[in-house]
Structures are given as C-alpha cells and as structure tokens.
N, C-alpha and C. Protein backbone atom coordinates (compact mmCIF):
# COMPACT_ATOMS: atom_id res chain seq x y z
N MET A 1 68.61 82.73 58.84
CA MET A 1 68.53 82.93 60.26
C MET A 1 69.65 82.14 60.96
N PRO A 2 70.31 82.78 61.88
CA PRO A 2 71.39 82.10 62.60
C PRO A 2 70.86 81.17 63.70
N ILE A 3 71.70 80.23 64.05
CA ILE A 3 71.41 79.33 65.16
C ILE A 3 72.23 79.81 66.35
N TYR A 4 71.53 80.16 67.44
CA TYR A 4 72.20 80.64 68.64
C TYR A 4 72.31 79.50 69.65
N GLU A 5 73.39 79.53 70.41
CA GLU A 5 73.65 78.54 71.43
C GLU A 5 73.43 79.19 72.80
N TYR A 6 72.72 78.51 73.68
CA TYR A 6 72.42 79.02 75.02
C TYR A 6 72.87 78.02 76.08
N GLU A 7 73.16 78.56 77.28
CA GLU A 7 73.48 77.72 78.42
C GLU A 7 72.83 78.31 79.67
N CYS A 8 72.25 77.43 80.46
CA CYS A 8 71.62 77.85 81.72
C CYS A 8 72.68 77.89 82.81
N LYS A 9 72.78 79.00 83.50
CA LYS A 9 73.76 79.12 84.58
C LYS A 9 73.30 78.39 85.85
N ALA A 10 72.01 78.10 85.95
CA ALA A 10 71.49 77.42 87.13
C ALA A 10 71.69 75.90 87.05
N CYS A 11 71.30 75.29 85.91
CA CYS A 11 71.36 73.82 85.83
C CYS A 11 72.38 73.30 84.82
N GLY A 12 72.98 74.18 84.01
CA GLY A 12 74.00 73.76 83.05
C GLY A 12 73.44 73.24 81.73
N GLN A 13 72.13 73.25 81.56
CA GLN A 13 71.49 72.80 80.32
C GLN A 13 71.96 73.66 79.14
N ARG A 14 72.31 72.99 78.03
CA ARG A 14 72.71 73.72 76.81
C ARG A 14 71.70 73.42 75.72
N LEU A 15 71.41 74.42 74.89
CA LEU A 15 70.48 74.23 73.79
C LEU A 15 70.83 75.16 72.64
N GLU A 16 70.30 74.83 71.47
CA GLU A 16 70.46 75.66 70.29
C GLU A 16 69.08 76.12 69.86
N LYS A 17 69.00 77.35 69.35
CA LYS A 17 67.72 77.90 68.93
C LYS A 17 67.91 78.69 67.64
N LEU A 18 67.08 78.40 66.66
CA LEU A 18 67.07 79.14 65.40
C LEU A 18 66.23 80.39 65.61
N GLN A 19 66.88 81.57 65.49
CA GLN A 19 66.19 82.83 65.75
C GLN A 19 66.59 83.87 64.72
N LYS A 20 65.74 84.86 64.55
CA LYS A 20 66.06 86.00 63.70
C LYS A 20 67.13 86.84 64.39
N LEU A 21 67.86 87.62 63.59
CA LEU A 21 68.86 88.52 64.18
C LEU A 21 68.22 89.54 65.11
N SER A 22 67.01 89.98 64.77
CA SER A 22 66.34 91.00 65.56
C SER A 22 65.60 90.45 66.78
N ALA A 23 65.53 89.13 66.93
CA ALA A 23 64.81 88.52 68.06
C ALA A 23 65.54 88.79 69.37
N THR A 24 64.77 88.94 70.42
CA THR A 24 65.39 89.14 71.75
C THR A 24 65.93 87.80 72.25
N PRO A 25 67.07 87.82 72.93
CA PRO A 25 67.66 86.57 73.44
C PRO A 25 66.73 85.88 74.45
N LEU A 26 66.79 84.56 74.47
CA LEU A 26 66.00 83.80 75.43
C LEU A 26 66.55 84.02 76.84
N THR A 27 65.68 83.95 77.83
CA THR A 27 66.14 84.13 79.22
C THR A 27 65.73 82.97 80.13
N ASP A 28 64.60 82.33 79.84
CA ASP A 28 64.10 81.25 80.70
C ASP A 28 64.55 79.89 80.18
N CYS A 29 65.12 79.10 81.06
CA CYS A 29 65.61 77.76 80.73
C CYS A 29 64.41 76.81 80.54
N PRO A 30 64.37 76.06 79.44
CA PRO A 30 63.26 75.12 79.25
C PRO A 30 63.34 73.91 80.18
N ALA A 31 64.51 73.60 80.73
CA ALA A 31 64.66 72.44 81.61
C ALA A 31 64.26 72.75 83.05
N CYS A 32 64.83 73.81 83.63
CA CYS A 32 64.55 74.12 85.04
C CYS A 32 63.68 75.37 85.22
N GLU A 33 63.37 76.04 84.13
CA GLU A 33 62.52 77.24 84.10
C GLU A 33 63.09 78.42 84.88
N ALA A 34 64.36 78.39 85.21
CA ALA A 34 65.01 79.52 85.88
C ALA A 34 65.37 80.58 84.83
N PRO A 35 65.32 81.86 85.21
CA PRO A 35 65.67 82.92 84.26
C PRO A 35 67.19 83.14 84.17
N GLU A 36 67.93 82.07 84.01
CA GLU A 36 69.39 82.12 84.03
C GLU A 36 70.03 81.73 82.69
N LEU A 37 69.27 81.79 81.60
CA LEU A 37 69.78 81.39 80.30
C LEU A 37 70.62 82.52 79.70
N SER A 38 71.80 82.18 79.21
CA SER A 38 72.64 83.20 78.57
C SER A 38 73.13 82.69 77.22
N ARG A 39 73.25 83.60 76.29
CA ARG A 39 73.70 83.26 74.93
C ARG A 39 75.21 83.08 74.92
N LEU A 40 75.67 82.03 74.27
CA LEU A 40 77.10 81.74 74.18
C LEU A 40 77.66 82.25 72.85
N VAL A 41 78.94 82.51 72.85
CA VAL A 41 79.64 82.88 71.63
C VAL A 41 80.21 81.59 71.05
N SER A 42 79.88 81.29 69.81
CA SER A 42 80.36 80.06 69.19
C SER A 42 80.85 80.34 67.78
N ALA A 43 81.53 79.37 67.21
CA ALA A 43 82.08 79.51 65.86
C ALA A 43 80.97 79.44 64.83
N ALA A 44 81.24 80.03 63.68
CA ALA A 44 80.27 80.00 62.59
C ALA A 44 80.12 78.57 62.08
N GLY A 45 78.97 78.27 61.51
CA GLY A 45 78.69 76.93 61.01
C GLY A 45 79.31 76.64 59.66
N PHE A 46 79.95 77.62 59.04
CA PHE A 46 80.59 77.39 57.76
C PHE A 46 81.89 78.18 57.69
N ARG A 47 82.72 77.80 56.75
CA ARG A 47 83.98 78.49 56.59
C ARG A 47 84.26 78.60 55.10
N LEU A 48 84.61 79.79 54.64
CA LEU A 48 84.94 79.99 53.24
C LEU A 48 86.41 79.68 53.08
N ALA A 49 86.71 78.63 52.34
CA ALA A 49 88.09 78.19 52.19
C ALA A 49 88.41 77.96 50.72
N GLY A 50 89.67 77.93 50.43
CA GLY A 50 90.08 77.66 49.06
C GLY A 50 90.47 78.93 48.34
N GLY A 51 91.12 78.76 47.25
CA GLY A 51 91.57 79.92 46.50
C GLY A 51 90.56 80.35 45.46
N GLY A 52 90.26 81.62 45.46
CA GLY A 52 89.47 82.20 44.39
C GLY A 52 87.97 82.08 44.50
N TRP A 53 87.41 81.70 45.63
CA TRP A 53 85.96 81.60 45.73
C TRP A 53 85.31 82.97 45.52
N TYR A 54 86.03 84.01 45.84
CA TYR A 54 85.52 85.38 45.75
C TYR A 54 85.71 85.97 44.35
N GLU A 55 86.41 85.28 43.50
CA GLU A 55 86.83 85.84 42.21
C GLU A 55 85.65 86.29 41.35
N THR A 56 84.57 85.55 41.35
CA THR A 56 83.44 85.92 40.51
C THR A 56 82.28 86.50 41.32
N ASP A 57 82.38 86.51 42.61
CA ASP A 57 81.31 87.06 43.45
C ASP A 57 81.37 88.58 43.48
N PHE A 58 80.23 89.19 43.42
CA PHE A 58 80.08 90.64 43.55
C PHE A 58 80.81 91.43 42.46
N LYS A 59 80.99 90.84 41.32
CA LYS A 59 81.59 91.56 40.20
C LYS A 59 80.60 91.56 39.05
N SER A 60 80.65 92.58 38.24
CA SER A 60 79.70 92.65 37.14
C SER A 60 80.41 92.86 35.81
N GLY A 61 79.70 92.58 34.76
CA GLY A 61 80.21 92.84 33.41
C GLY A 61 81.48 92.10 33.07
N SER A 62 82.45 92.85 32.53
CA SER A 62 83.69 92.24 32.07
C SER A 62 84.70 92.04 33.19
N LYS A 63 84.38 92.39 34.42
CA LYS A 63 85.30 92.26 35.54
C LYS A 63 85.07 90.95 36.31
N LYS A 64 84.60 89.91 35.63
CA LYS A 64 84.29 88.64 36.31
C LYS A 64 85.53 87.88 36.74
N ASN A 65 86.59 87.89 35.94
CA ASN A 65 87.76 87.06 36.25
C ASN A 65 89.02 87.91 36.16
N LEU A 66 89.31 88.64 37.19
CA LEU A 66 90.45 89.56 37.18
C LEU A 66 91.79 88.84 37.18
N ALA A 67 91.90 87.71 37.85
CA ALA A 67 93.17 86.97 37.90
C ALA A 67 93.54 86.45 36.52
N ALA A 68 92.59 85.90 35.80
CA ALA A 68 92.87 85.38 34.46
C ALA A 68 93.18 86.53 33.50
N ASP A 69 92.48 87.65 33.65
CA ASP A 69 92.74 88.81 32.79
C ASP A 69 94.15 89.35 32.99
N SER A 70 94.59 89.44 34.23
CA SER A 70 95.93 89.97 34.50
C SER A 70 97.00 88.98 34.05
N ALA A 71 96.73 87.68 34.15
CA ALA A 71 97.69 86.67 33.68
C ALA A 71 97.81 86.74 32.16
N ALA A 72 96.68 86.91 31.48
CA ALA A 72 96.70 87.00 30.02
C ALA A 72 97.42 88.27 29.58
N ALA A 73 97.22 89.37 30.30
CA ALA A 73 97.90 90.62 29.97
C ALA A 73 99.40 90.47 30.20
N GLY A 74 99.78 89.76 31.25
CA GLY A 74 101.21 89.52 31.53
C GLY A 74 101.85 88.69 30.44
N ASP A 75 101.12 87.69 29.91
CA ASP A 75 101.65 86.85 28.84
C ASP A 75 101.82 87.65 27.56
N ALA A 76 100.92 88.56 27.29
CA ALA A 76 100.99 89.35 26.06
C ALA A 76 102.15 90.33 26.11
N LYS A 77 102.49 90.82 27.30
CA LYS A 77 103.56 91.79 27.44
C LYS A 77 104.94 91.15 27.50
N SER A 78 105.01 89.89 27.90
CA SER A 78 106.31 89.25 28.06
C SER A 78 106.90 88.90 26.70
N PRO A 79 108.23 89.07 26.55
CA PRO A 79 108.85 88.75 25.26
C PRO A 79 108.82 87.25 25.01
N SER A 80 108.71 86.92 23.76
CA SER A 80 108.65 85.51 23.40
C SER A 80 110.05 84.93 23.34
N ASN A 81 110.22 83.71 23.80
CA ASN A 81 111.51 83.04 23.77
C ASN A 81 111.72 82.24 22.50
N THR A 82 110.73 82.21 21.64
CA THR A 82 110.87 81.45 20.40
C THR A 82 111.54 82.33 19.36
N PRO A 83 112.47 81.77 18.57
CA PRO A 83 113.14 82.57 17.55
C PRO A 83 112.17 82.94 16.44
N SER A 84 112.39 84.10 15.86
CA SER A 84 111.51 84.52 14.77
C SER A 84 111.87 83.73 13.51
N PRO A 85 110.90 83.39 12.68
CA PRO A 85 111.18 82.59 11.48
C PRO A 85 111.96 83.41 10.47
N LYS A 86 112.89 82.72 9.78
CA LYS A 86 113.70 83.39 8.75
C LYS A 86 112.95 83.34 7.45
N LYS A 87 113.04 84.40 6.70
CA LYS A 87 112.39 84.45 5.40
C LYS A 87 113.30 83.78 4.38
N GLU A 88 112.69 83.11 3.42
CA GLU A 88 113.47 82.46 2.37
C GLU A 88 114.09 83.52 1.48
N GLY A 89 115.28 83.30 1.09
CA GLY A 89 115.96 84.21 0.18
C GLY A 89 116.59 85.40 0.88
N ALA A 90 116.47 85.47 2.17
CA ALA A 90 117.07 86.57 2.89
C ALA A 90 118.53 86.27 3.11
N ALA A 91 119.34 87.32 3.04
CA ALA A 91 120.78 87.14 3.24
C ALA A 91 121.06 86.90 4.69
N ALA A 92 122.00 85.96 4.93
CA ALA A 92 122.30 85.62 6.28
C ALA A 92 123.46 86.40 6.80
C-alpha cells in the first residue's frame, strides 16, 4: 500500500496516510476539519539503482543471466592470442 501525502488548503496542515490504491482520497482536514484537504504529488519512497538489478528478475529457466551468457559467447568466438603449441618432431 502506498503512502499518500496531503495538505490542507485552509490551514496548511500536512499529513501522510497509508491507503489502498482503490481508496478514495481524504477530503476533511484532521486539524481544522475543513473540507480543503488535497493529495500532493511526491517522489517515490525508493529508487532502483545500480547495474544489473533487473538481470535475474522476471526471467525463467536458462535465461537468468543474459549478460554473462553473451560475454561467454563473445569469448568463445574471439580468436585466441596465444600461439598454438608445436608438435615434437615436426619440421620447422
């Protein structure tokens, strides 16, 4: 349930109220009892930050880590910079 912020236009009283999304907005101020209460628009109480928090969310089966899978596939396709070993007895 979200926390809504309200302000009374008559007396300036501000309050927060935990309500369901389907609940009707409050109208009467608890301080002065005037029907001048209005809901304010405020920032969310949390923020999703950082890299990759979504990487494993909402994915199923073998699609859990797409970034690691694509990096591993890129490594397998890239040519190796190490020289191949020479066989003994081979002519140079």
